[in-house]
Amino acid sequence: MSTDQHTSQAAELDWFKSSYSGTNGGDCVEVAAGLDAMYVRDSKVVGGGPVLRVSRGEWAAFMALTTE
């Protein structure tokens, strides 16, 4: 797992808001799928910010935990 400052690769991804994010400006998490990794960022950070990059295997393990 790695955290990177908002890179050009992350900027070119199609981001979508998590269904778990609140509608009143609370927990706003955005996720994007890359070829080899998944990316997560805080949508409240205007102009970019840190991006969490996890491998597809790590993402699958995380999702398996959250759906149990």
Protein backbone atom coordinates (compact mmCIF):
# COMPACT_ATOMS: atom_id res chain seq x y z
CA MET A 1 0.00 0.00 0.00
CA SER A 2 1.25 3.49 -0.74
CA THR A 3 0.17 7.07 -0.41
CA ASP A 4 1.13 9.49 -3.15
CA GLN A 5 0.53 13.18 -3.64
CA HIS A 6 -2.12 13.70 -6.29
CA THR A 7 -0.23 12.44 -9.37
CA SER A 8 -1.04 12.97 -13.03
CA GLN A 9 -2.03 9.30 -13.29
CA ALA A 10 -4.51 9.68 -10.42
CA ALA A 11 -5.86 12.88 -11.99
CA GLU A 12 -6.69 10.99 -15.20
CA LEU A 13 -8.81 8.37 -13.43
CA ASP A 14 -12.60 8.32 -13.33
CA TRP A 15 -13.48 8.97 -9.69
CA PHE A 16 -16.81 8.11 -8.06
CA LYS A 17 -18.15 8.82 -4.60
CA SER A 18 -18.47 5.87 -2.27
CA SER A 19 -22.02 4.76 -1.50
CA TYR A 20 -21.00 4.91 2.17
CA SER A 21 -20.25 8.64 1.97
CA GLY A 22 -22.74 10.95 3.61
CA THR A 23 -24.87 13.34 1.58
CA ASN A 24 -24.49 16.22 4.03
CA GLY A 25 -20.77 16.88 3.49
CA GLY A 26 -19.58 14.37 6.06
CA ASP A 27 -17.45 11.38 5.18
CA CYS A 28 -16.74 11.93 1.50
CA VAL A 29 -14.60 9.17 0.04
CA GLU A 30 -13.97 8.82 -3.68
CA VAL A 31 -12.64 5.67 -5.35
CA ALA A 32 -11.14 5.07 -8.80
CA ALA A 33 -10.04 1.89 -10.55
CA GLY A 34 -6.70 1.79 -12.35
CA LEU A 35 -5.27 -1.05 -14.39
CA ASP A 36 -3.23 -2.54 -11.52
CA ALA A 37 -4.56 -0.71 -8.47
CA MET A 38 -7.45 1.00 -6.75
CA TYR A 39 -7.19 4.62 -5.61
CA VAL A 40 -8.94 6.32 -2.69
CA ARG A 41 -9.07 10.03 -1.84
CA ASP A 42 -10.97 12.52 0.29
CA SER A 43 -13.34 14.44 -1.97
CA LYS A 44 -13.46 17.35 0.47
CA VAL A 45 -9.82 18.28 -0.31
CA VAL A 46 -10.13 20.91 -3.03
CA GLY A 47 -7.42 20.85 -5.70
CA GLY A 48 -6.21 17.33 -4.99
CA GLY A 49 -4.40 16.03 -1.99
CA PRO A 50 -3.07 12.67 -0.88
CA VAL A 51 -4.21 9.60 -2.77
CA LEU A 52 -4.14 6.12 -1.25
CA ARG A 53 -3.10 3.47 -3.78
CA VAL A 54 -3.75 -0.20 -3.04
CA SER A 55 -3.23 -3.26 -5.19
CA ARG A 56 -6.27 -5.03 -6.58
CA GLY A 57 -5.54 -7.97 -4.26
CA GLU A 58 -5.45 -5.71 -1.21
CA TRP A 59 -8.69 -4.04 -2.36
CA ALA A 60 -10.40 -7.43 -2.79
CA ALA A 61 -9.33 -8.46 0.73
CA PHE A 62 -10.64 -5.16 2.13
CA MET A 63 -13.97 -5.54 0.34
CA ALA A 64 -14.32 -9.12 1.59
CA LEU A 65 -13.96 -7.82 5.15
CA THR A 66 -16.51 -5.05 4.68
CA THR A 67 -19.19 -7.37 3.28
CA GLU A 68 -19.06 -10.01 6.01
